[in-house]
mmCIF file of all heavy atoms, coordinates in Angstrom:
data_MODEL
# 
_entry.id   MODEL 
# 
loop_
_atom_site.group_PDB 
_atom_site.id 
_atom_site.type_symbol 
_atom_site.label_atom_id 
_atom_site.label_alt_id 
_atom_site.label_comp_id 
_atom_site.label_asym_id 
_atom_site.label_entity_id 
_atom_site.label_seq_id 
_atom_site.pdbx_PDB_ins_code 
_atom_site.Cartn_x 
_atom_site.Cartn_y 
_atom_site.Cartn_z 
_atom_site.occupancy 
_atom_site.B_iso_or_equiv 
_atom_site.pdbx_formal_charge 
_atom_site.auth_seq_id 
_atom_site.auth_comp_id 
_atom_site.auth_asym_id 
_atom_site.auth_atom_id 
_atom_site.pdbx_PDB_model_num 
ATOM 1   N N   . GLU A 1 1  ? -15.326 -0.100 18.771 1.00 0.00 ? 1  GLU A N   1 
ATOM 2   C CA  . GLU A 1 1  ? -16.337 -1.115 18.496 1.00 0.00 ? 1  GLU A CA  1 
ATOM 3   C C   . GLU A 1 1  ? -15.880 -2.137 17.453 1.00 0.00 ? 1  GLU A C   1 
ATOM 4   O O   . GLU A 1 1  ? -16.640 -2.997 17.080 1.00 0.00 ? 1  GLU A O   1 
ATOM 5   C CB  . GLU A 1 1  ? -17.650 -0.467 18.059 1.00 0.00 ? 1  GLU A CB  1 
ATOM 6   C CG  . GLU A 1 1  ? -18.275 0.415  19.148 1.00 0.00 ? 1  GLU A CG  1 
ATOM 7   C CD  . GLU A 1 1  ? -19.622 1.001  18.749 1.00 0.00 ? 1  GLU A CD  1 
ATOM 8   O OE1 . GLU A 1 1  ? -20.105 0.663  17.653 1.00 0.00 ? 1  GLU A OE1 1 
ATOM 9   O OE2 . GLU A 1 1  ? -20.153 1.788  19.528 1.00 0.00 ? 1  GLU A OE2 1 
ATOM 10  N N   . GLY A 1 2  ? -14.639 -2.018 16.967 1.00 0.00 ? 2  GLY A N   1 
ATOM 11  C CA  . GLY A 1 2  ? -14.143 -2.957 15.983 1.00 0.00 ? 2  GLY A CA  1 
ATOM 12  C C   . GLY A 1 2  ? -12.968 -3.752 16.501 1.00 0.00 ? 2  GLY A C   1 
ATOM 13  O O   . GLY A 1 2  ? -12.834 -3.977 17.716 1.00 0.00 ? 2  GLY A O   1 
ATOM 14  N N   . GLY A 1 3  ? -12.138 -4.234 15.580 1.00 0.00 ? 3  GLY A N   1 
ATOM 15  C CA  . GLY A 1 3  ? -11.065 -5.106 15.965 1.00 0.00 ? 3  GLY A CA  1 
ATOM 16  C C   . GLY A 1 3  ? -9.652  -4.552 15.815 1.00 0.00 ? 3  GLY A C   1 
ATOM 17  O O   . GLY A 1 3  ? -8.656  -5.289 15.979 1.00 0.00 ? 3  GLY A O   1 
ATOM 18  N N   . LEU A 1 4  ? -9.527  -3.254 15.503 1.00 0.00 ? 4  LEU A N   1 
ATOM 19  C CA  . LEU A 1 4  ? -8.197  -2.649 15.402 1.00 0.00 ? 4  LEU A CA  1 
ATOM 20  C C   . LEU A 1 4  ? -7.615  -2.480 16.796 1.00 0.00 ? 4  LEU A C   1 
ATOM 21  O O   . LEU A 1 4  ? -8.310  -2.283 17.795 1.00 0.00 ? 4  LEU A O   1 
ATOM 22  C CB  . LEU A 1 4  ? -8.276  -1.273 14.721 1.00 0.00 ? 4  LEU A CB  1 
ATOM 23  C CG  . LEU A 1 4  ? -8.817  -1.262 13.268 1.00 0.00 ? 4  LEU A CG  1 
ATOM 24  C CD1 . LEU A 1 4  ? -8.706  0.142  12.697 1.00 0.00 ? 4  LEU A CD1 1 
ATOM 25  C CD2 . LEU A 1 4  ? -8.084  -2.268 12.400 1.00 0.00 ? 4  LEU A CD2 1 
ATOM 26  N N   . LYS A 1 5  ? -6.276  -2.505 16.875 1.00 0.00 ? 5  LYS A N   1 
ATOM 27  C CA  . LYS A 1 5  ? -5.588  -2.389 18.175 1.00 0.00 ? 5  LYS A CA  1 
ATOM 28  C C   . LYS A 1 5  ? -5.403  -0.908 18.495 1.00 0.00 ? 5  LYS A C   1 
ATOM 29  O O   . LYS A 1 5  ? -4.288  -0.377 18.505 1.00 0.00 ? 5  LYS A O   1 
ATOM 30  C CB  . LYS A 1 5  ? -4.261  -3.106 18.115 1.00 0.00 ? 5  LYS A CB  1 
ATOM 31  C CG  . LYS A 1 5  ? -4.407  -4.625 17.902 1.00 0.00 ? 5  LYS A CG  1 
ATOM 32  C CD  . LYS A 1 5  ? -3.064  -5.314 17.804 1.00 0.00 ? 5  LYS A CD  1 
ATOM 33  C CE  . LYS A 1 5  ? -3.257  -6.812 17.573 1.00 0.00 ? 5  LYS A CE  1 
ATOM 34  N NZ  . LYS A 1 5  ? -1.943  -7.541 17.449 1.00 0.00 ? 5  LYS A NZ  1 
ATOM 35  N N   . LEU A 1 6  ? -6.534  -0.249 18.750 1.00 0.00 ? 6  LEU A N   1 
ATOM 36  C CA  . LEU A 1 6  ? -6.494  1.203  18.951 1.00 0.00 ? 6  LEU A CA  1 
ATOM 37  C C   . LEU A 1 6  ? -5.813  1.597  20.250 1.00 0.00 ? 6  LEU A C   1 
ATOM 38  O O   . LEU A 1 6  ? -5.144  2.629  20.304 1.00 0.00 ? 6  LEU A O   1 
ATOM 39  C CB  . LEU A 1 6  ? -7.924  1.758  18.930 1.00 0.00 ? 6  LEU A CB  1 
ATOM 40  C CG  . LEU A 1 6  ? -8.654  1.620  17.586 1.00 0.00 ? 6  LEU A CG  1 
ATOM 41  C CD1 . LEU A 1 6  ? -10.035 2.263  17.682 1.00 0.00 ? 6  LEU A CD1 1 
ATOM 42  C CD2 . LEU A 1 6  ? -7.858  2.253  16.456 1.00 0.00 ? 6  LEU A CD2 1 
ATOM 43  N N   . ALA A 1 7  ? -5.951  0.814  21.292 1.00 0.00 ? 7  ALA A N   1 
ATOM 44  C CA  . ALA A 1 7  ? -5.313  1.159  22.566 1.00 0.00 ? 7  ALA A CA  1 
ATOM 45  C C   . ALA A 1 7  ? -3.784  1.208  22.390 1.00 0.00 ? 7  ALA A C   1 
ATOM 46  O O   . ALA A 1 7  ? -3.137  2.162  22.856 1.00 0.00 ? 7  ALA A O   1 
ATOM 47  C CB  . ALA A 1 7  ? -5.688  0.177  23.658 1.00 0.00 ? 7  ALA A CB  1 
ATOM 48  N N   . GLU A 1 8  ? -3.234  0.206  21.701 1.00 0.00 ? 8  GLU A N   1 
ATOM 49  C CA  . GLU A 1 8  ? -1.783  0.179  21.470 1.00 0.00 ? 8  GLU A CA  1 
ATOM 50  C C   . GLU A 1 8  ? -1.368  1.385  20.620 1.00 0.00 ? 8  GLU A C   1 
ATOM 51  O O   . GLU A 1 8  ? -0.339  2.040  20.888 1.00 0.00 ? 8  GLU A O   1 
ATOM 52  C CB  . GLU A 1 8  ? -1.366  -1.105 20.775 1.00 0.00 ? 8  GLU A CB  1 
ATOM 53  C CG  . GLU A 1 8  ? -1.534  -2.362 21.622 1.00 0.00 ? 8  GLU A CG  1 
ATOM 54  C CD  . GLU A 1 8  ? -1.053  -3.599 20.874 1.00 0.00 ? 8  GLU A CD  1 
ATOM 55  O OE1 . GLU A 1 8  ? -0.310  -3.439 19.865 1.00 0.00 ? 8  GLU A OE1 1 
ATOM 56  O OE2 . GLU A 1 8  ? -1.430  -4.717 21.264 1.00 0.00 ? 8  GLU A OE2 1 
ATOM 57  N N   . LEU A 1 9  ? -2.145  1.672  19.594 1.00 0.00 ? 9  LEU A N   1 
ATOM 58  C CA  . LEU A 1 9  ? -1.825  2.779  18.724 1.00 0.00 ? 9  LEU A CA  1 
ATOM 59  C C   . LEU A 1 9  ? -1.861  4.104  19.483 1.00 0.00 ? 9  LEU A C   1 
ATOM 60  O O   . LEU A 1 9  ? -0.923  4.920  19.378 1.00 0.00 ? 9  LEU A O   1 
ATOM 61  C CB  . LEU A 1 9  ? -2.779  2.813  17.532 1.00 0.00 ? 9  LEU A CB  1 
ATOM 62  C CG  . LEU A 1 9  ? -2.607  3.959  16.541 1.00 0.00 ? 9  LEU A CG  1 
ATOM 63  C CD1 . LEU A 1 9  ? -1.231  3.926  15.923 1.00 0.00 ? 9  LEU A CD1 1 
ATOM 64  C CD2 . LEU A 1 9  ? -3.702  3.900  15.436 1.00 0.00 ? 9  LEU A CD2 1 
ATOM 65  N N   . LEU A 1 10 ? -2.915  4.325  20.223 1.00 0.00 ? 10 LEU A N   1 
ATOM 66  C CA  . LEU A 1 10 ? -3.054  5.585  20.964 1.00 0.00 ? 10 LEU A CA  1 
ATOM 67  C C   . LEU A 1 10 ? -1.914  5.772  21.968 1.00 0.00 ? 10 LEU A C   1 
ATOM 68  O O   . LEU A 1 10 ? -1.417  6.868  22.122 1.00 0.00 ? 10 LEU A O   1 
ATOM 69  C CB  . LEU A 1 10 ? -4.400  5.650  21.667 1.00 0.00 ? 10 LEU A CB  1 
ATOM 70  C CG  . LEU A 1 10 ? -5.625  5.854  20.740 1.00 0.00 ? 10 LEU A CG  1 
ATOM 71  C CD1 . LEU A 1 10 ? -6.911  5.564  21.498 1.00 0.00 ? 10 LEU A CD1 1 
ATOM 72  C CD2 . LEU A 1 10 ? -5.625  7.275  20.176 1.00 0.00 ? 10 LEU A CD2 1 
ATOM 73  N N   . ARG A 1 11 ? -1.515  4.709  22.633 1.00 0.00 ? 11 ARG A N   1 
ATOM 74  C CA  . ARG A 1 11 ? -0.435  4.815  23.612 1.00 0.00 ? 11 ARG A CA  1 
ATOM 75  C C   . ARG A 1 11 ? 0.900   5.111  22.948 1.00 0.00 ? 11 ARG A C   1 
ATOM 76  O O   . ARG A 1 11 ? 1.793   5.688  23.568 1.00 0.00 ? 11 ARG A O   1 
ATOM 77  C CB  . ARG A 1 11 ? -0.344  3.532  24.430 1.00 0.00 ? 11 ARG A CB  1 
ATOM 78  C CG  . ARG A 1 11 ? -1.528  3.295  25.377 1.00 0.00 ? 11 ARG A CG  1 
ATOM 79  C CD  . ARG A 1 11 ? -1.233  2.176  26.343 1.00 0.00 ? 11 ARG A CD  1 
ATOM 80  N NE  . ARG A 1 11 ? -2.385  1.885  27.171 1.00 0.00 ? 11 ARG A NE  1 
ATOM 81  C CZ  . ARG A 1 11 ? -3.215  0.842  27.004 1.00 0.00 ? 11 ARG A CZ  1 
ATOM 82  N NH1 . ARG A 1 11 ? -2.963  -0.032 26.024 1.00 0.00 ? 11 ARG A NH1 1 
ATOM 83  N NH2 . ARG A 1 11 ? -4.246  0.653  27.799 1.00 0.00 ? 11 ARG A NH2 1 
ATOM 84  N N   . ALA A 1 12 ? 1.040   4.727  21.681 1.00 0.00 ? 12 ALA A N   1 
ATOM 85  C CA  . ALA A 1 12 ? 2.296   4.956  20.996 1.00 0.00 ? 12 ALA A CA  1 
ATOM 86  C C   . ALA A 1 12 ? 2.391   6.356  20.375 1.00 0.00 ? 12 ALA A C   1 
ATOM 87  O O   . ALA A 1 12 ? 3.495   6.779  20.047 1.00 0.00 ? 12 ALA A O   1 
ATOM 88  C CB  . ALA A 1 12 ? 2.466   3.905  19.872 1.00 0.00 ? 12 ALA A CB  1 
ATOM 89  N N   . LEU A 1 13 ? 1.264   7.026  20.258 1.00 0.00 ? 13 LEU A N   1 
ATOM 90  C CA  . LEU A 1 13 ? 1.258   8.379  19.704 1.00 0.00 ? 13 LEU A CA  1 
ATOM 91  C C   . LEU A 1 13 ? 1.566   9.415  20.802 1.00 0.00 ? 13 LEU A C   1 
ATOM 92  O O   . LEU A 1 13 ? 1.353   9.142  21.982 1.00 0.00 ? 13 LEU A O   1 
ATOM 93  C CB  . LEU A 1 13 ? -0.099  8.681  19.069 1.00 0.00 ? 13 LEU A CB  1 
ATOM 94  C CG  . LEU A 1 13 ? -0.510  7.825  17.890 1.00 0.00 ? 13 LEU A CG  1 
ATOM 95  C CD1 . LEU A 1 13 ? -1.950  8.102  17.481 1.00 0.00 ? 13 LEU A CD1 1 
ATOM 96  C CD2 . LEU A 1 13 ? 0.430   8.028  16.693 1.00 0.00 ? 13 LEU A CD2 1 
ATOM 97  N N   . PRO A 1 14 ? 2.031   10.594 20.415 1.00 0.00 ? 14 PRO A N   1 
ATOM 98  C CA  . PRO A 1 14 ? 2.225   11.650 21.443 1.00 0.00 ? 14 PRO A CA  1 
ATOM 99  C C   . PRO A 1 14 ? 0.947   11.886 22.243 1.00 0.00 ? 14 PRO A C   1 
ATOM 100 O O   . PRO A 1 14 ? -0.158  11.872 21.691 1.00 0.00 ? 14 PRO A O   1 
ATOM 101 C CB  . PRO A 1 14 ? 2.616   12.861 20.594 1.00 0.00 ? 14 PRO A CB  1 
ATOM 102 C CG  . PRO A 1 14 ? 3.268   12.288 19.374 1.00 0.00 ? 14 PRO A CG  1 
ATOM 103 C CD  . PRO A 1 14 ? 2.505   11.027 19.087 1.00 0.00 ? 14 PRO A CD  1 
ATOM 104 N N   . ALA A 1 15 ? 1.113   12.137 23.540 1.00 0.00 ? 15 ALA A N   1 
ATOM 105 C CA  . ALA A 1 15 ? -0.022  12.145 24.465 1.00 0.00 ? 15 ALA A CA  1 
ATOM 106 C C   . ALA A 1 15 ? -1.113  13.152 24.148 1.00 0.00 ? 15 ALA A C   1 
ATOM 107 O O   . ALA A 1 15 ? -2.281  12.929 24.460 1.00 0.00 ? 15 ALA A O   1 
ATOM 108 C CB  . ALA A 1 15 ? 0.479   12.365 25.909 1.00 0.00 ? 15 ALA A CB  1 
ATOM 109 N N   . THR A 1 16 ? -0.730  14.265 23.558 1.00 0.00 ? 16 THR A N   1 
ATOM 110 C CA  . THR A 1 16 ? -1.741  15.290 23.271 1.00 0.00 ? 16 THR A CA  1 
ATOM 111 C C   . THR A 1 16 ? -1.956  15.501 21.774 1.00 0.00 ? 16 THR A C   1 
ATOM 112 O O   . THR A 1 16 ? -2.502  16.502 21.342 1.00 0.00 ? 16 THR A O   1 
ATOM 113 C CB  . THR A 1 16 ? -1.305  16.645 23.868 1.00 0.00 ? 16 THR A CB  1 
ATOM 114 O OG1 . THR A 1 16 ? -0.023  17.035 23.332 1.00 0.00 ? 16 THR A OG1 1 
ATOM 115 C CG2 . THR A 1 16 ? -1.212  16.560 25.396 1.00 0.00 ? 16 THR A CG2 1 
ATOM 116 N N   . LEU A 1 17 ? -1.579  14.500 20.972 1.00 0.00 ? 17 LEU A N   1 
ATOM 117 C CA  . LEU A 1 17 ? -1.717  14.614 19.522 1.00 0.00 ? 17 LEU A CA  1 
ATOM 118 C C   . LEU A 1 17 ? -3.197  14.782 19.139 1.00 0.00 ? 17 LEU A C   1 
ATOM 119 O O   . LEU A 1 17 ? -4.037  14.005 19.553 1.00 0.00 ? 17 LEU A O   1 
ATOM 120 C CB  . LEU A 1 17 ? -1.172  13.367 18.838 1.00 0.00 ? 17 LEU A CB  1 
ATOM 121 C CG  . LEU A 1 17 ? -0.990  13.466 17.326 1.00 0.00 ? 17 LEU A CG  1 
ATOM 122 C CD1 . LEU A 1 17 ? 0.195   14.354 16.956 1.00 0.00 ? 17 LEU A CD1 1 
ATOM 123 C CD2 . LEU A 1 17 ? -0.784  12.082 16.736 1.00 0.00 ? 17 LEU A CD2 1 
ATOM 124 N N   . PRO A 1 18 ? -3.559  15.806 18.385 1.00 0.00 ? 18 PRO A N   1 
ATOM 125 C CA  . PRO A 1 18 ? -4.947  15.972 17.933 1.00 0.00 ? 18 PRO A CA  1 
ATOM 126 C C   . PRO A 1 18 ? -5.410  14.759 17.139 1.00 0.00 ? 18 PRO A C   1 
ATOM 127 O O   . PRO A 1 18 ? -4.628  14.144 16.406 1.00 0.00 ? 18 PRO A O   1 
ATOM 128 C CB  . PRO A 1 18 ? -4.891  17.223 17.060 1.00 0.00 ? 18 PRO A CB  1 
ATOM 129 C CG  . PRO A 1 18 ? -3.705  18.006 17.555 1.00 0.00 ? 18 PRO A CG  1 
ATOM 130 C CD  . PRO A 1 18 ? -2.696  16.954 17.936 1.00 0.00 ? 18 PRO A CD  1 
ATOM 131 N N   . LEU A 1 19 ? -6.685  14.428 17.300 1.00 0.00 ? 19 LEU A N   1 
ATOM 132 C CA  . LEU A 1 19 ? -7.255  13.292 16.618 1.00 0.00 ? 19 LEU A CA  1 
ATOM 133 C C   . LEU A 1 19 ? -8.392  13.763 15.700 1.00 0.00 ? 19 LEU A C   1 
ATOM 134 O O   . LEU A 1 19 ? -9.304  14.434 16.148 1.00 0.00 ? 19 LEU A O   1 
ATOM 135 C CB  . LEU A 1 19 ? -7.805  12.261 17.621 1.00 0.00 ? 19 LEU A CB  1 
ATOM 136 C CG  . LEU A 1 19 ? -6.774  11.615 18.552 1.00 0.00 ? 19 LEU A CG  1 
ATOM 137 C CD1 . LEU A 1 19 ? -7.473  10.724 19.584 1.00 0.00 ? 19 LEU A CD1 1 
ATOM 138 C CD2 . LEU A 1 19 ? -5.750  10.822 17.760 1.00 0.00 ? 19 LEU A CD2 1 
ATOM 139 N N   . SER A 1 20 ? -8.301  13.375 14.442 1.00 0.00 ? 20 SER A N   1 
ATOM 140 C CA  . SER A 1 20 ? -9.350  13.642 13.461 1.00 0.00 ? 20 SER A CA  1 
ATOM 141 C C   . SER A 1 20 ? -10.240 12.390 13.416 1.00 0.00 ? 20 SER A C   1 
ATOM 142 O O   . SER A 1 20 ? -9.743  11.291 13.114 1.00 0.00 ? 20 SER A O   1 
ATOM 143 C CB  . SER A 1 20 ? -8.729  13.939 12.118 1.00 0.00 ? 20 SER A CB  1 
ATOM 144 O OG  . SER A 1 20 ? -9.733  14.067 11.125 1.00 0.00 ? 20 SER A OG  1 
ATOM 145 N N   . ILE A 1 21 ? -11.520 12.539 13.705 1.00 0.00 ? 21 ILE A N   1 
ATOM 146 C CA  . ILE A 1 21 ? -12.417 11.403 13.748 1.00 0.00 ? 21 ILE A CA  1 
ATOM 147 C C   . ILE A 1 21 ? -12.946 11.162 12.341 1.00 0.00 ? 21 ILE A C   1 
ATOM 148 O O   . ILE A 1 21 ? -13.847 11.845 11.869 1.00 0.00 ? 21 ILE A O   1 
ATOM 149 C CB  . ILE A 1 21 ? -13.581 11.631 14.736 1.00 0.00 ? 21 ILE A CB  1 
ATOM 150 C CG1 . ILE A 1 21 ? -13.047 12.114 16.077 1.00 0.00 ? 21 ILE A CG1 1 
ATOM 151 C CG2 . ILE A 1 21 ? -14.400 10.376 14.899 1.00 0.00 ? 21 ILE A CG2 1 
ATOM 152 C CD1 . ILE A 1 21 ? -12.002 11.212 16.726 1.00 0.00 ? 21 ILE A CD1 1 
ATOM 153 N N   . GLU A 1 22 ? -12.311 10.219 11.637 1.00 0.00 ? 22 GLU A N   1 
ATOM 154 C CA  . GLU A 1 22 ? -12.621 9.953  10.246 1.00 0.00 ? 22 GLU A CA  1 
ATOM 155 C C   . GLU A 1 22 ? -13.324 8.573  10.142 1.00 0.00 ? 22 GLU A C   1 
ATOM 156 O O   . GLU A 1 22 ? -12.652 7.554  10.075 1.00 0.00 ? 22 GLU A O   1 
ATOM 157 C CB  . GLU A 1 22 ? -11.396 9.965  9.366  1.00 0.00 ? 22 GLU A CB  1 
ATOM 158 C CG  . GLU A 1 22 ? -11.722 9.846  7.891  1.00 0.00 ? 22 GLU A CG  1 
ATOM 159 C CD  . GLU A 1 22 ? -10.537 10.053 6.984  1.00 0.00 ? 22 GLU A CD  1 
ATOM 160 O OE1 . GLU A 1 22 ? -9.691  9.155  6.908  1.00 0.00 ? 22 GLU A OE1 1 
ATOM 161 O OE2 . GLU A 1 22 ? -10.453 11.115 6.336  1.00 0.00 ? 22 GLU A OE2 1 
ATOM 162 N N   . VAL A 1 23 ? -14.644 8.615  10.147 1.00 0.00 ? 23 VAL A N   1 
ATOM 163 C CA  . VAL A 1 23 ? -15.417 7.365  10.164 1.00 0.00 ? 23 VAL A CA  1 
ATOM 164 C C   . VAL A 1 23 ? -16.595 7.464  9.200  1.00 0.00 ? 23 VAL A C   1 
ATOM 165 O O   . VAL A 1 23 ? -17.746 7.704  9.590  1.00 0.00 ? 23 VAL A O   1 
ATOM 166 C CB  . VAL A 1 23 ? -15.961 7.065  11.603 1.00 0.00 ? 23 VAL A CB  1 
ATOM 167 C CG1 . VAL A 1 23 ? -16.568 5.668  11.647 1.00 0.00 ? 23 VAL A CG1 1 
ATOM 168 C CG2 . VAL A 1 23 ? -14.840 7.182  12.625 1.00 0.00 ? 23 VAL A CG2 1 
ATOM 169 N N   . PRO A 1 24 ? -16.328 7.259  7.892  1.00 0.00 ? 24 PRO A N   1 
ATOM 170 C CA  . PRO A 1 24 ? -17.458 7.223  6.956  1.00 0.00 ? 24 PRO A CA  1 
ATOM 171 C C   . PRO A 1 24 ? -18.294 5.970  7.217  1.00 0.00 ? 24 PRO A C   1 
ATOM 172 O O   . PRO A 1 24 ? -17.755 4.862  7.384  1.00 0.00 ? 24 PRO A O   1 
ATOM 173 C CB  . PRO A 1 24 ? -16.765 7.149  5.607  1.00 0.00 ? 24 PRO A CB  1 
ATOM 174 C CG  . PRO A 1 24 ? -15.423 6.503  5.883  1.00 0.00 ? 24 PRO A CG  1 
ATOM 175 C CD  . PRO A 1 24 ? -15.040 7.025  7.252  1.00 0.00 ? 24 PRO A CD  1 
ATOM 176 N N   . GLN A 1 25 ? -19.591 6.139  7.263  1.00 0.00 ? 25 GLN A N   1 
ATOM 177 C CA  . GLN A 1 25 ? -20.521 5.033  7.515  1.00 0.00 ? 25 GLN A CA  1 
ATOM 178 C C   . GLN A 1 25 ? -21.715 5.180  6.572  1.00 0.00 ? 25 GLN A C   1 
ATOM 179 O O   . GLN A 1 25 ? -22.796 5.623  6.949  1.00 0.00 ? 25 GLN A O   1 
ATOM 180 C CB  . GLN A 1 25 ? -20.978 5.044  8.990  1.00 0.00 ? 25 GLN A CB  1 
ATOM 181 C CG  . GLN A 1 25 ? -19.812 4.816  9.982  1.00 0.00 ? 25 GLN A CG  1 
ATOM 182 C CD  . GLN A 1 25 ? -20.245 4.946  11.429 1.00 0.00 ? 25 GLN A CD  1 
ATOM 183 O OE1 . GLN A 1 25 ? -20.939 5.898  11.803 1.00 0.00 ? 25 GLN A OE1 1 
ATOM 184 N NE2 . GLN A 1 25 ? -19.833 3.981  12.255 1.00 0.00 ? 25 GLN A NE2 1 
ATOM 185 N N   . ALA A 1 26 ? -21.470 4.803  5.308  1.00 0.00 ? 26 ALA A N   1 
ATOM 186 C CA  . ALA A 1 26 ? -22.467 5.078  4.271  1.00 0.00 ? 26 ALA A CA  1 
ATOM 187 C C   . ALA A 1 26 ? -23.781 4.389  4.537  1.00 0.00 ? 26 ALA A C   1 
ATOM 188 O O   . ALA A 1 26 ? -24.861 4.958  4.287  1.00 0.00 ? 26 ALA A O   1 
ATOM 189 C CB  . ALA A 1 26 ? -21.904 4.639  2.917  1.00 0.00 ? 26 ALA A CB  1 
ATOM 190 N N   . THR A 1 27 ? -23.748 3.174  5.031  1.00 0.00 ? 27 THR A N   1 
ATOM 191 C CA  . THR A 1 27 ? -25.004 2.451  5.300  1.00 0.00 ? 27 THR A CA  1 
ATOM 192 C C   . THR A 1 27 ? -25.798 3.154  6.391  1.00 0.00 ? 27 THR A C   1 
ATOM 193 O O   . THR A 1 27 ? -27.002 3.401  6.292  1.00 0.00 ? 27 THR A O   1 
ATOM 194 C CB  . THR A 1 27 ? -24.744 1.008  5.651  1.00 0.00 ? 27 THR A CB  1 
ATOM 195 O OG1 . THR A 1 27 ? -24.065 0.340  4.578  1.00 0.00 ? 27 THR A OG1 1 
ATOM 196 C CG2 . THR A 1 27 ? -26.051 0.246  5.935  1.00 0.00 ? 27 THR A CG2 1 
ATOM 197 N N   . LEU A 1 28 ? -25.134 3.477  7.490  1.00 0.00 ? 28 LEU A N   1 
ATOM 198 C CA  . LEU A 1 28 ? -25.790 4.150  8.605  1.00 0.00 ? 28 LEU A CA  1 
ATOM 199 C C   . LEU A 1 28 ? -26.317 5.523  8.186  1.00 0.00 ? 28 LEU A C   1 
ATOM 200 O O   . LEU A 1 28 ? -27.387 5.953  8.648  1.00 0.00 ? 28 LEU A O   1 
ATOM 201 C CB  . LEU A 1 28 ? -24.826 4.280  9.779  1.00 0.00 ? 28 LEU A CB  1 
ATOM 202 C CG  . LEU A 1 28 ? -25.392 4.901  11.050 1.00 0.00 ? 28 LEU A CG  1 
ATOM 203 C CD1 . LEU A 1 28 ? -26.483 4.010  11.650 1.00 0.00 ? 28 LEU A CD1 1 
ATOM 204 C CD2 . LEU A 1 28 ? -24.282 5.118  12.075 1.00 0.00 ? 28 LEU A CD2 1 
ATOM 205 N N   . ALA A 1 29 ? -25.597 6.189  7.282  1.00 0.00 ? 29 ALA A N   1 
ATOM 206 C CA  . ALA A 1 29 ? -26.004 7.536  6.854  1.00 0.00 ? 29 ALA A CA  1 
ATOM 207 C C   . ALA A 1 29 ? -27.333 7.564  6.136  1.00 0.00 ? 29 ALA A C   1 
ATOM 208 O O   . ALA A 1 29 ? -27.953 8.622  6.004  1.00 0.00 ? 29 ALA A O   1 
ATOM 209 C CB  . ALA A 1 29 ? -24.905 8.143  5.989  1.00 0.00 ? 29 ALA A CB  1 
ATOM 210 N N   . ARG A 1 30 ? -27.826 6.412  5.693  1.00 0.00 ? 30 ARG A N   1 
ATOM 211 C CA  . ARG A 1 30 ? -29.143 6.373  5.036  1.00 0.00 ? 30 ARG A CA  1 
ATOM 212 C C   . ARG A 1 30 ? -30.237 6.614  6.009  1.00 0.00 ? 30 ARG A C   1 
ATOM 213 O O   . ARG A 1 30 ? -31.345 7.057  5.603  1.00 0.00 ? 30 ARG A O   1 
ATOM 214 C CB  . ARG A 1 30 ? -29.318 5.017  4.344  1.00 0.00 ? 30 ARG A CB  1 
ATOM 215 C CG  . ARG A 1 30 ? -28.350 4.738  3.204  1.00 0.00 ? 30 ARG A CG  1 
ATOM 216 C CD  . ARG A 1 30 ? -28.480 3.326  2.720  1.00 0.00 ? 30 ARG A CD  1 
ATOM 217 N NE  . ARG A 1 30 ? -27.413 2.954  1.777  1.00 0.00 ? 30 ARG A NE  1 
ATOM 218 C CZ  . ARG A 1 30 ? -26.992 1.725  1.556  1.00 0.00 ? 30 ARG A CZ  1 
ATOM 219 N NH1 . ARG A 1 30 ? -27.604 0.699  2.169  1.00 0.00 ? 30 ARG A NH1 1 
ATOM 220 N NH2 . ARG A 1 30 ? -26.011 1.502  0.685  1.00 0.00 ? 30 ARG A NH2 1 
ATOM 221 N N   . THR A 1 31 ? -30.018 6.345  7.291  1.00 0.00 ? 31 THR A N   1 
ATOM 222 C CA  . THR A 1 31 ? -31.082 6.477  8.292  1.00 0.00 ? 31 THR A CA  1 
ATOM 223 C C   . THR A 1 31 ? -30.747 7.409  9.433  1.00 0.00 ? 31 THR A C   1 
ATOM 224 O O   . THR A 1 31 ? -31.663 7.820  10.199 1.00 0.00 ? 31 THR A O   1 
ATOM 225 C CB  . THR A 1 31 ? -31.422 5.100  8.877  1.00 0.00 ? 31 THR A CB  1 
ATOM 226 O OG1 . THR A 1 31 ? -30.237 4.497  9.441  1.00 0.00 ? 31 THR A OG1 1 
ATOM 227 C CG2 . THR A 1 31 ? -32.004 4.146  7.781  1.00 0.00 ? 31 THR A CG2 1 
# 
């Protein structure tokens, strides 16, 4: 949902590399 080139990054990483979903959202966390 942002502007990082995630598709390029994901394709460059090993195909089965585990992904840690690290997305702090302090404003959203209020509600």
